[in-house]
Amino acid sequence: MLLGSSKTETDALLGSPIMAASLLDMTTSGEKTFSYTQGADSIIVGFFDDVARYMAVIQSLGPRGGFTPAEMASILSLNAPSAQWKKETAEESSGAKTPKRPDDNSSPPSNYYSLNDPKRKFEILGWEPGGKPFTFFFTPSWPGQLPIVLNEWQVAKAIG
């Protein structure tokens, strides 16, 4: 499991990182951010007090768009088998379905993920913005650390 791991454990799982720009702008609170290259993707991991609290997977090479179901399953498996995750689309979570015009070229809806296993002492939340070249996951709380409260816009702006 990546989130909740130490920097040493994360390095053993993903390889040698390089320093990366902060995604949450919380460096005064101890945020340290590293980038790991995995094939055509970059995995950005944010640590607080040597605990991995968030990760973003960003398509670095090739076509830049949404992830395929197989790609998302591999991303989810960095923290737990994909079958253990709960998934909702933006339309399901809002309860409203907006009809689309035939010429509507808007992005597909966002997918939202959550993992709350009783064996774990924390919850993982995340999202995949429809049609965007990244996905983001984080632990909102961790024993003895500041909570992480953020929104999709903040993360999308930091990723670029």
N, C-alpha and C. Protein backbone atom coordinates (compact mmCIF):
# COMPACT_ATOMS: atom_id res chain seq x y z
N MET A 1 0.85 -1.18 0.00
CA MET A 1 0.00 0.00 0.00
C MET A 1 0.89 1.23 0.00
N LEU A 2 0.57 2.15 -0.87
CA LEU A 2 1.39 3.35 -1.00
C LEU A 2 1.02 4.40 0.05
N LEU A 3 -0.24 4.83 0.08
CA LEU A 3 -0.62 5.86 1.06
C LEU A 3 -0.54 5.27 2.47
N GLY A 4 0.05 6.03 3.35
CA GLY A 4 0.30 5.56 4.71
C GLY A 4 1.69 5.00 4.89
N SER A 5 2.43 4.84 3.80
CA SER A 5 3.79 4.30 3.86
C SER A 5 4.79 5.40 4.17
N SER A 6 5.96 5.00 4.62
CA SER A 6 7.05 5.94 4.85
C SER A 6 7.73 6.26 3.51
N LYS A 7 8.59 7.24 3.51
CA LYS A 7 9.34 7.60 2.30
C LYS A 7 10.22 6.43 1.88
N THR A 8 10.86 5.77 2.81
CA THR A 8 11.72 4.62 2.50
C THR A 8 10.90 3.49 1.88
N GLU A 9 9.74 3.20 2.43
CA GLU A 9 8.87 2.15 1.87
C GLU A 9 8.37 2.53 0.48
N THR A 10 8.04 3.80 0.29
CA THR A 10 7.57 4.27 -1.02
C THR A 10 8.68 4.17 -2.06
N ASP A 11 9.90 4.54 -1.68
CA ASP A 11 11.04 4.41 -2.59
C ASP A 11 11.26 2.95 -2.98
N ALA A 12 11.11 2.03 -2.03
CA ALA A 12 11.29 0.61 -2.33
C ALA A 12 10.21 0.13 -3.30
N LEU A 13 9.00 0.68 -3.22
CA LEU A 13 7.89 0.29 -4.08
C LEU A 13 8.00 0.91 -5.47
N LEU A 14 8.36 2.20 -5.55
CA LEU A 14 8.29 2.94 -6.81
C LEU A 14 9.64 3.29 -7.43
N GLY A 15 10.73 3.14 -6.70
CA GLY A 15 12.05 3.47 -7.24
C GLY A 15 12.56 4.80 -6.74
N SER A 16 13.59 5.31 -7.39
CA SER A 16 14.23 6.56 -6.98
C SER A 16 13.43 7.76 -7.47
N PRO A 17 13.10 8.67 -6.57
CA PRO A 17 12.32 9.85 -6.97
C PRO A 17 13.20 11.07 -7.22
N ILE A 18 12.55 12.10 -7.72
CA ILE A 18 13.15 13.43 -7.76
C ILE A 18 12.21 14.35 -6.97
N MET A 19 12.74 15.46 -6.50
CA MET A 19 11.89 16.42 -5.79
C MET A 19 10.84 16.96 -6.76
N ALA A 20 9.66 17.29 -6.22
CA ALA A 20 8.58 17.83 -7.05
C ALA A 20 7.97 19.04 -6.36
N ALA A 21 7.27 19.83 -7.14
CA ALA A 21 6.58 21.00 -6.58
C ALA A 21 5.43 20.54 -5.69
N SER A 22 5.20 21.27 -4.64
CA SER A 22 4.11 20.99 -3.72
C SER A 22 2.77 21.11 -4.45
N LEU A 23 1.87 20.15 -4.23
CA LEU A 23 0.54 20.23 -4.83
C LEU A 23 -0.48 20.90 -3.91
N LEU A 24 -0.21 20.88 -2.61
CA LEU A 24 -1.18 21.43 -1.66
C LEU A 24 -0.75 22.76 -1.07
N ASP A 25 0.45 23.21 -1.38
CA ASP A 25 0.97 24.47 -0.85
C ASP A 25 0.97 24.47 0.68
N MET A 26 1.42 23.34 1.25
CA MET A 26 1.46 23.20 2.71
C MET A 26 2.88 22.92 3.19
N THR A 27 3.88 23.47 2.50
CA THR A 27 5.27 23.21 2.89
C THR A 27 5.58 23.73 4.29
N THR A 28 4.91 24.80 4.72
CA THR A 28 5.14 25.30 6.09
C THR A 28 4.57 24.34 7.13
N SER A 29 3.70 23.42 6.70
CA SER A 29 3.15 22.39 7.60
C SER A 29 3.90 21.08 7.47
N GLY A 30 5.02 21.09 6.73
CA GLY A 30 5.85 19.89 6.62
C GLY A 30 5.67 19.09 5.35
N GLU A 31 4.90 19.59 4.38
CA GLU A 31 4.69 18.85 3.13
C GLU A 31 6.01 18.75 2.35
N LYS A 32 6.34 17.51 1.95
CA LYS A 32 7.49 17.24 1.07
C LYS A 32 6.96 16.39 -0.07
N THR A 33 7.29 16.77 -1.29
CA THR A 33 6.70 16.15 -2.46
C THR A 33 7.78 15.58 -3.38
N PHE A 34 7.52 14.36 -3.88
CA PHE A 34 8.47 13.67 -4.74
C PHE A 34 7.73 13.11 -5.95
N SER A 35 8.47 13.00 -7.06
CA SER A 35 7.92 12.46 -8.30
C SER A 35 8.65 11.17 -8.65
N TYR A 36 7.86 10.14 -8.96
CA TYR A 36 8.37 8.84 -9.37
C TYR A 36 7.90 8.56 -10.79
N THR A 37 8.78 8.12 -11.66
CA THR A 37 8.40 7.81 -13.04
C THR A 37 8.05 6.33 -13.13
N GLN A 38 6.87 6.06 -13.70
CA GLN A 38 6.42 4.68 -13.92
C GLN A 38 5.91 4.61 -15.36
N GLY A 39 6.72 4.09 -16.27
CA GLY A 39 6.32 4.02 -17.67
C GLY A 39 6.06 5.41 -18.22
N ALA A 40 4.85 5.61 -18.77
CA ALA A 40 4.48 6.91 -19.36
C ALA A 40 3.83 7.84 -18.35
N ASP A 41 3.80 7.45 -17.08
CA ASP A 41 3.14 8.23 -16.04
C ASP A 41 4.13 8.73 -14.99
N SER A 42 3.77 9.83 -14.35
CA SER A 42 4.49 10.32 -13.18
C SER A 42 3.57 10.12 -11.98
N ILE A 43 4.13 9.61 -10.90
CA ILE A 43 3.38 9.47 -9.66
C ILE A 43 3.96 10.48 -8.68
N ILE A 44 3.16 11.47 -8.33
CA ILE A 44 3.58 12.51 -7.39
C ILE A 44 3.07 12.07 -6.02
N VAL A 45 3.95 12.01 -5.04
CA VAL A 45 3.57 11.58 -3.69
C VAL A 45 3.94 12.68 -2.71
N GLY A 46 2.95 13.06 -1.89
CA GLY A 46 3.16 14.08 -0.86
C GLY A 46 3.26 13.45 0.51
N PHE A 47 4.29 13.82 1.25
CA PHE A 47 4.54 13.28 2.58
C PHE A 47 4.40 14.37 3.63
N PHE A 48 3.87 13.99 4.77
CA PHE A 48 3.85 14.82 5.96
C PHE A 48 4.43 13.96 7.07
N ASP A 49 5.47 14.47 7.74
CA ASP A 49 6.15 13.72 8.81
C ASP A 49 6.46 12.29 8.39
N ASP A 50 7.01 12.14 7.18
CA ASP A 50 7.44 10.85 6.63
C ASP A 50 6.28 9.86 6.41
N VAL A 51 5.07 10.35 6.24
CA VAL A 51 3.92 9.50 5.92
C VAL A 51 3.34 9.97 4.59
N ALA A 52 3.20 9.05 3.63
CA ALA A 52 2.61 9.39 2.33
C ALA A 52 1.13 9.67 2.54
N ARG A 53 0.72 10.93 2.34
CA ARG A 53 -0.67 11.34 2.58
C ARG A 53 -1.46 11.56 1.30
N TYR A 54 -0.78 11.81 0.17
CA TYR A 54 -1.51 11.95 -1.08
C TYR A 54 -0.67 11.48 -2.25
N MET A 55 -1.35 11.15 -3.34
CA MET A 55 -0.67 10.77 -4.57
C MET A 55 -1.48 11.24 -5.77
N ALA A 56 -0.78 11.66 -6.79
CA ALA A 56 -1.40 12.00 -8.06
C ALA A 56 -0.69 11.20 -9.14
N VAL A 57 -1.46 10.60 -10.02
CA VAL A 57 -0.88 9.91 -11.17
C VAL A 57 -1.20 10.77 -12.38
N ILE A 58 -0.14 11.18 -13.08
CA ILE A 58 -0.28 12.12 -14.19
C ILE A 58 0.28 11.48 -15.45
N GLN A 59 -0.49 11.51 -16.52
CA GLN A 59 -0.01 11.00 -17.80
C GLN A 59 1.05 11.97 -18.32
N SER A 60 2.27 11.47 -18.48
CA SER A 60 3.38 12.31 -18.90
C SER A 60 3.68 12.19 -20.38
N LEU A 61 3.51 11.00 -20.93
CA LEU A 61 3.84 10.74 -22.33
C LEU A 61 2.62 10.16 -23.04
N GLY A 62 2.61 10.26 -24.34
CA GLY A 62 1.53 9.68 -25.13
C GLY A 62 0.28 10.54 -25.10
N PRO A 63 -0.83 9.98 -25.56
CA PRO A 63 -2.09 10.74 -25.59
C PRO A 63 -2.49 11.14 -24.17
N ARG A 64 -2.91 12.38 -24.02
CA ARG A 64 -3.30 12.87 -22.70
C ARG A 64 -4.82 12.98 -22.64
N GLY A 65 -5.43 12.09 -21.91
CA GLY A 65 -6.87 12.07 -21.73
C GLY A 65 -7.19 11.27 -20.50
N GLY A 66 -8.39 10.78 -20.39
CA GLY A 66 -8.76 9.98 -19.23
C GLY A 66 -8.06 8.63 -19.22
N PHE A 67 -8.04 7.99 -18.08
CA PHE A 67 -7.44 6.66 -17.94
C PHE A 67 -8.45 5.59 -18.35
N THR A 68 -7.95 4.50 -18.92
CA THR A 68 -8.82 3.37 -19.27
C THR A 68 -9.17 2.61 -17.99
N PRO A 69 -10.20 1.76 -18.01
CA PRO A 69 -10.50 0.96 -16.82
C PRO A 69 -9.32 0.11 -16.34
N ALA A 70 -8.55 -0.44 -17.26
CA ALA A 70 -7.38 -1.24 -16.86
C ALA A 70 -6.32 -0.37 -16.20
N GLU A 71 -6.12 0.84 -16.73
CA GLU A 71 -5.15 1.75 -16.12
C GLU A 71 -5.60 2.16 -14.73
N MET A 72 -6.90 2.45 -14.57
CA MET A 72 -7.41 2.83 -13.24
C MET A 72 -7.28 1.67 -12.26
N ALA A 73 -7.53 0.45 -12.71
CA ALA A 73 -7.38 -0.71 -11.82
C ALA A 73 -5.94 -0.82 -11.33
N SER A 74 -4.97 -0.57 -12.21
CA SER A 74 -3.57 -0.64 -11.78
C SER A 74 -3.22 0.49 -10.82
N ILE A 75 -3.80 1.67 -11.03
CA ILE A 75 -3.57 2.80 -10.12
C ILE A 75 -4.19 2.51 -8.76
N LEU A 76 -5.42 2.03 -8.75
CA LEU A 76 -6.09 1.70 -7.48
C LEU A 76 -5.31 0.63 -6.71
N SER A 77 -4.71 -0.32 -7.44
CA SER A 77 -4.00 -1.42 -6.78
C SER A 77 -2.73 -0.97 -6.08
N LEU A 78 -2.31 0.28 -6.27
CA LEU A 78 -1.18 0.79 -5.50
C LEU A 78 -1.53 0.88 -4.02
N ASN A 79 -2.83 0.91 -3.70
CA ASN A 79 -3.27 1.01 -2.31
C ASN A 79 -4.08 -0.19 -1.83
N ALA A 80 -4.81 -0.84 -2.71
CA ALA A 80 -5.61 -2.02 -2.37
C ALA A 80 -6.14 -2.60 -3.67
N PRO A 81 -6.50 -3.89 -3.68
CA PRO A 81 -7.06 -4.45 -4.90
C PRO A 81 -8.25 -3.62 -5.39
N SER A 82 -8.34 -3.44 -6.70
CA SER A 82 -9.37 -2.56 -7.26
C SER A 82 -10.78 -2.98 -6.86
N ALA A 83 -11.01 -4.26 -6.60
CA ALA A 83 -12.34 -4.73 -6.22
C ALA A 83 -12.77 -4.21 -4.84
N GLN A 84 -11.85 -3.75 -4.02
CA GLN A 84 -12.18 -3.26 -2.68
C GLN A 84 -12.62 -1.80 -2.67
N TRP A 85 -12.45 -1.11 -3.78
CA TRP A 85 -12.79 0.31 -3.85
C TRP A 85 -14.25 0.52 -4.17
N LYS A 86 -14.83 1.55 -3.61
CA LYS A 86 -16.18 1.98 -3.98
C LYS A 86 -16.02 3.09 -5.01
N LYS A 87 -16.83 3.03 -6.08
CA LYS A 87 -16.73 4.01 -7.16
C LYS A 87 -18.10 4.61 -7.44
N GLU A 88 -18.14 5.93 -7.60
CA GLU A 88 -19.35 6.64 -8.01
C GLU A 88 -18.97 7.61 -9.11
N THR A 89 -19.89 7.86 -10.02
CA THR A 89 -19.66 8.91 -11.01
C THR A 89 -20.31 10.18 -10.49
N ALA A 90 -19.95 11.31 -11.07
CA ALA A 90 -20.52 12.59 -10.64
C ALA A 90 -22.03 12.58 -10.75
N GLU A 91 -22.56 11.96 -11.80
CA GLU A 91 -24.01 11.91 -11.98
C GLU A 91 -24.68 11.09 -10.88
N GLU A 92 -24.06 9.97 -10.47
CA GLU A 92 -24.62 9.14 -9.41
C GLU A 92 -24.61 9.86 -8.08
N SER A 93 -23.51 10.56 -7.79
CA SER A 93 -23.40 11.20 -6.48
C SER A 93 -24.34 12.39 -6.33
N SER A 94 -24.65 13.06 -7.44
CA SER A 94 -25.55 14.20 -7.34
C SER A 94 -27.01 13.78 -7.41
N GLY A 95 -27.26 12.60 -7.95
CA GLY A 95 -28.62 12.11 -8.07
C GLY A 95 -29.36 12.69 -9.26
N ALA A 96 -28.77 13.64 -9.96
CA ALA A 96 -29.43 14.28 -11.10
C ALA A 96 -28.74 13.87 -12.39
N LYS A 97 -29.52 13.61 -13.39
CA LYS A 97 -28.97 13.28 -14.70
C LYS A 97 -29.37 14.37 -15.66
N THR A 98 -28.39 15.01 -16.21
CA THR A 98 -28.63 16.09 -17.15
C THR A 98 -28.58 15.53 -18.56
N PRO A 99 -29.63 15.71 -19.35
CA PRO A 99 -29.58 15.22 -20.72
C PRO A 99 -28.54 15.97 -21.53
N LYS A 100 -27.84 15.24 -22.41
CA LYS A 100 -26.83 15.86 -23.26
C LYS A 100 -27.39 16.08 -24.65
N ARG A 101 -26.98 17.17 -25.24
CA ARG A 101 -27.33 17.43 -26.63
C ARG A 101 -26.47 16.53 -27.51
N PRO A 102 -26.95 16.15 -28.69
CA PRO A 102 -26.15 15.29 -29.57
C PRO A 102 -24.80 15.88 -29.94
N ASP A 103 -24.69 17.20 -30.01
CA ASP A 103 -23.42 17.82 -30.39
C ASP A 103 -22.58 18.23 -29.18
N ASP A 104 -22.94 17.75 -27.99
CA ASP A 104 -22.23 18.10 -26.76
C ASP A 104 -20.89 17.37 -26.72
N ASN A 105 -19.80 18.12 -26.74
CA ASN A 105 -18.45 17.54 -26.69
C ASN A 105 -17.82 17.67 -25.32
N SER A 106 -18.62 17.82 -24.29
CA SER A 106 -18.07 18.00 -22.94
C SER A 106 -17.40 16.72 -22.46
N SER A 107 -16.58 16.86 -21.46
CA SER A 107 -15.86 15.73 -20.90
C SER A 107 -16.81 14.75 -20.22
N PRO A 108 -16.40 13.49 -20.14
CA PRO A 108 -17.21 12.54 -19.38
C PRO A 108 -17.23 12.95 -17.91
N PRO A 109 -18.20 12.44 -17.14
CA PRO A 109 -18.28 12.83 -15.73
C PRO A 109 -17.08 12.31 -14.93
N SER A 110 -16.80 12.99 -13.84
CA SER A 110 -15.73 12.55 -12.94
C SER A 110 -16.14 11.27 -12.23
N ASN A 111 -15.14 10.47 -11.88
CA ASN A 111 -15.35 9.30 -11.06
C ASN A 111 -14.75 9.57 -9.69
N TYR A 112 -15.46 9.14 -8.64
CA TYR A 112 -15.01 9.34 -7.27
C TYR A 112 -14.80 7.98 -6.63
N TYR A 113 -13.71 7.85 -5.86
CA TYR A 113 -13.33 6.58 -5.27
C TYR A 113 -13.18 6.74 -3.76
N SER A 114 -13.52 5.67 -3.04
CA SER A 114 -13.28 5.66 -1.59
C SER A 114 -12.91 4.25 -1.16
N LEU A 115 -12.05 4.18 -0.17
CA LEU A 115 -11.61 2.92 0.40
C LEU A 115 -11.62 3.07 1.91
N ASN A 116 -12.45 2.29 2.56
CA ASN A 116 -12.54 2.35 4.01
C ASN A 116 -12.59 0.92 4.53
N ASP A 117 -11.44 0.36 4.75
CA ASP A 117 -11.30 -1.01 5.21
C ASP A 117 -11.17 -0.99 6.74
N PRO A 118 -11.99 -1.76 7.46
CA PRO A 118 -11.90 -1.75 8.93
C PRO A 118 -10.52 -2.11 9.47
N LYS A 119 -9.72 -2.86 8.69
CA LYS A 119 -8.37 -3.22 9.14
C LYS A 119 -7.42 -2.03 9.12
N ARG A 120 -7.75 -1.04 8.30
CA ARG A 120 -6.91 0.15 8.19
C ARG A 120 -7.37 1.20 9.20
N LYS A 121 -6.45 2.05 9.58
CA LYS A 121 -6.78 3.09 10.55
C LYS A 121 -7.13 4.40 9.87
N PHE A 122 -7.30 4.37 8.55
CA PHE A 122 -7.58 5.59 7.82
C PHE A 122 -8.38 5.28 6.57
N GLU A 123 -8.96 6.33 6.01
CA GLU A 123 -9.75 6.23 4.79
C GLU A 123 -8.97 6.88 3.65
N ILE A 124 -9.14 6.35 2.44
CA ILE A 124 -8.55 6.96 1.26
C ILE A 124 -9.68 7.43 0.35
N LEU A 125 -9.59 8.68 -0.08
CA LEU A 125 -10.56 9.26 -1.01
C LEU A 125 -9.82 9.70 -2.27
N GLY A 126 -10.52 9.74 -3.39
CA GLY A 126 -9.87 10.19 -4.60
C GLY A 126 -10.84 10.44 -5.72
N TRP A 127 -10.33 10.99 -6.80
CA TRP A 127 -11.17 11.25 -7.96
C TRP A 127 -10.35 11.18 -9.24
N GLU A 128 -11.06 10.92 -10.31
CA GLU A 128 -10.53 10.92 -11.66
C GLU A 128 -11.41 11.88 -12.45
N PRO A 129 -10.92 13.10 -12.71
CA PRO A 129 -11.73 14.05 -13.46
C PRO A 129 -11.97 13.55 -14.88
N GLY A 130 -13.20 13.52 -15.31
CA GLY A 130 -13.55 12.99 -16.62
C GLY A 130 -12.72 13.58 -17.74
N GLY A 131 -12.03 12.71 -18.48
CA GLY A 131 -11.27 13.15 -19.64
C GLY A 131 -9.97 13.87 -19.36
N LYS A 132 -9.59 14.03 -18.10
CA LYS A 132 -8.35 14.75 -17.75
C LYS A 132 -7.20 13.75 -17.59
N PRO A 133 -5.95 14.20 -17.78
CA PRO A 133 -4.81 13.29 -17.76
C PRO A 133 -4.23 13.03 -16.37
N PHE A 134 -5.06 13.06 -15.32
CA PHE A 134 -4.54 12.76 -13.98
C PHE A 134 -5.64 12.19 -13.10
N THR A 135 -5.21 11.60 -12.01
CA THR A 135 -6.11 11.16 -10.95
C THR A 135 -5.42 11.46 -9.62
N PHE A 136 -6.20 11.62 -8.56
CA PHE A 136 -5.65 12.08 -7.28
C PHE A 136 -6.29 11.31 -6.13
N PHE A 137 -5.48 10.90 -5.14
CA PHE A 137 -5.96 10.19 -3.96
C PHE A 137 -5.28 10.76 -2.71
N PHE A 138 -6.00 10.76 -1.59
CA PHE A 138 -5.41 11.29 -0.36
C PHE A 138 -6.07 10.67 0.86
N THR A 139 -5.39 10.81 2.00
CA THR A 139 -5.93 10.41 3.30
C THR A 139 -6.32 11.71 4.02
N PRO A 140 -7.63 11.96 4.18
CA PRO A 140 -8.05 13.22 4.81
C PRO A 140 -7.55 13.38 6.25
N SER A 141 -7.38 12.26 6.95
CA SER A 141 -6.89 12.36 8.33
C SER A 141 -5.85 11.27 8.58
N TRP A 142 -4.99 11.58 9.54
CA TRP A 142 -3.95 10.65 9.95
C TRP A 142 -3.65 10.93 11.42
N PRO A 143 -3.53 9.89 12.26
CA PRO A 143 -3.30 10.12 13.69
C PRO A 143 -2.09 11.01 13.95
N GLY A 144 -2.32 12.07 14.74
CA GLY A 144 -1.24 12.98 15.13
C GLY A 144 -0.83 13.99 14.07
N GLN A 145 -1.56 14.06 12.96
CA GLN A 145 -1.22 15.01 11.90
C GLN A 145 -2.40 15.92 11.59
N LEU A 146 -2.09 17.00 10.90
CA LEU A 146 -3.13 17.92 10.46
C LEU A 146 -4.06 17.24 9.46
N PRO A 147 -5.35 17.55 9.49
CA PRO A 147 -6.24 17.01 8.45
C PRO A 147 -5.94 17.69 7.12
N ILE A 148 -6.24 17.00 6.03
CA ILE A 148 -6.11 17.58 4.69
C ILE A 148 -7.52 17.83 4.17
N VAL A 149 -7.83 19.09 3.96
CA VAL A 149 -9.12 19.50 3.40
C VAL A 149 -8.81 20.23 2.10
N LEU A 150 -9.34 19.74 1.00
CA LEU A 150 -9.05 20.36 -0.28
C LEU A 150 -10.20 20.13 -1.24
N ASN A 151 -10.07 20.70 -2.43
CA ASN A 151 -11.11 20.48 -3.44
C ASN A 151 -10.47 20.17 -4.78
N GLU A 152 -11.29 19.72 -5.71
CA GLU A 152 -10.79 19.31 -7.01
C GLU A 152 -10.13 20.45 -7.77
N TRP A 153 -10.70 21.64 -7.70
CA TRP A 153 -10.14 22.79 -8.40
C TRP A 153 -8.72 23.06 -7.95
N GLN A 154 -8.50 23.04 -6.63
CA GLN A 154 -7.18 23.31 -6.06
C GLN A 154 -6.15 22.33 -6.61
N VAL A 155 -6.50 21.06 -6.66
CA VAL A 155 -5.58 20.03 -7.14
C VAL A 155 -5.34 20.18 -8.64
N ALA A 156 -6.41 20.37 -9.42
CA ALA A 156 -6.27 20.53 -10.87
C ALA A 156 -5.40 21.73 -11.21
N LYS A 157 -5.55 22.81 -10.47
CA LYS A 157 -4.73 24.01 -10.71
C LYS A 157 -3.25 23.73 -10.42
N ALA A 158 -2.98 23.00 -9.34
CA ALA A 158 -1.59 22.70 -8.97
C ALA A 158 -0.94 21.74 -9.98
N ILE A 159 -1.72 20.80 -10.51
CA ILE A 159 -1.17 19.84 -11.48
C ILE A 159 -0.95 20.51 -12.83
N GLY A 160 -1.82 21.46 -13.15
CA GLY A 160 -1.65 22.23 -14.38
C GLY A 160 -2.45 21.75 -15.55
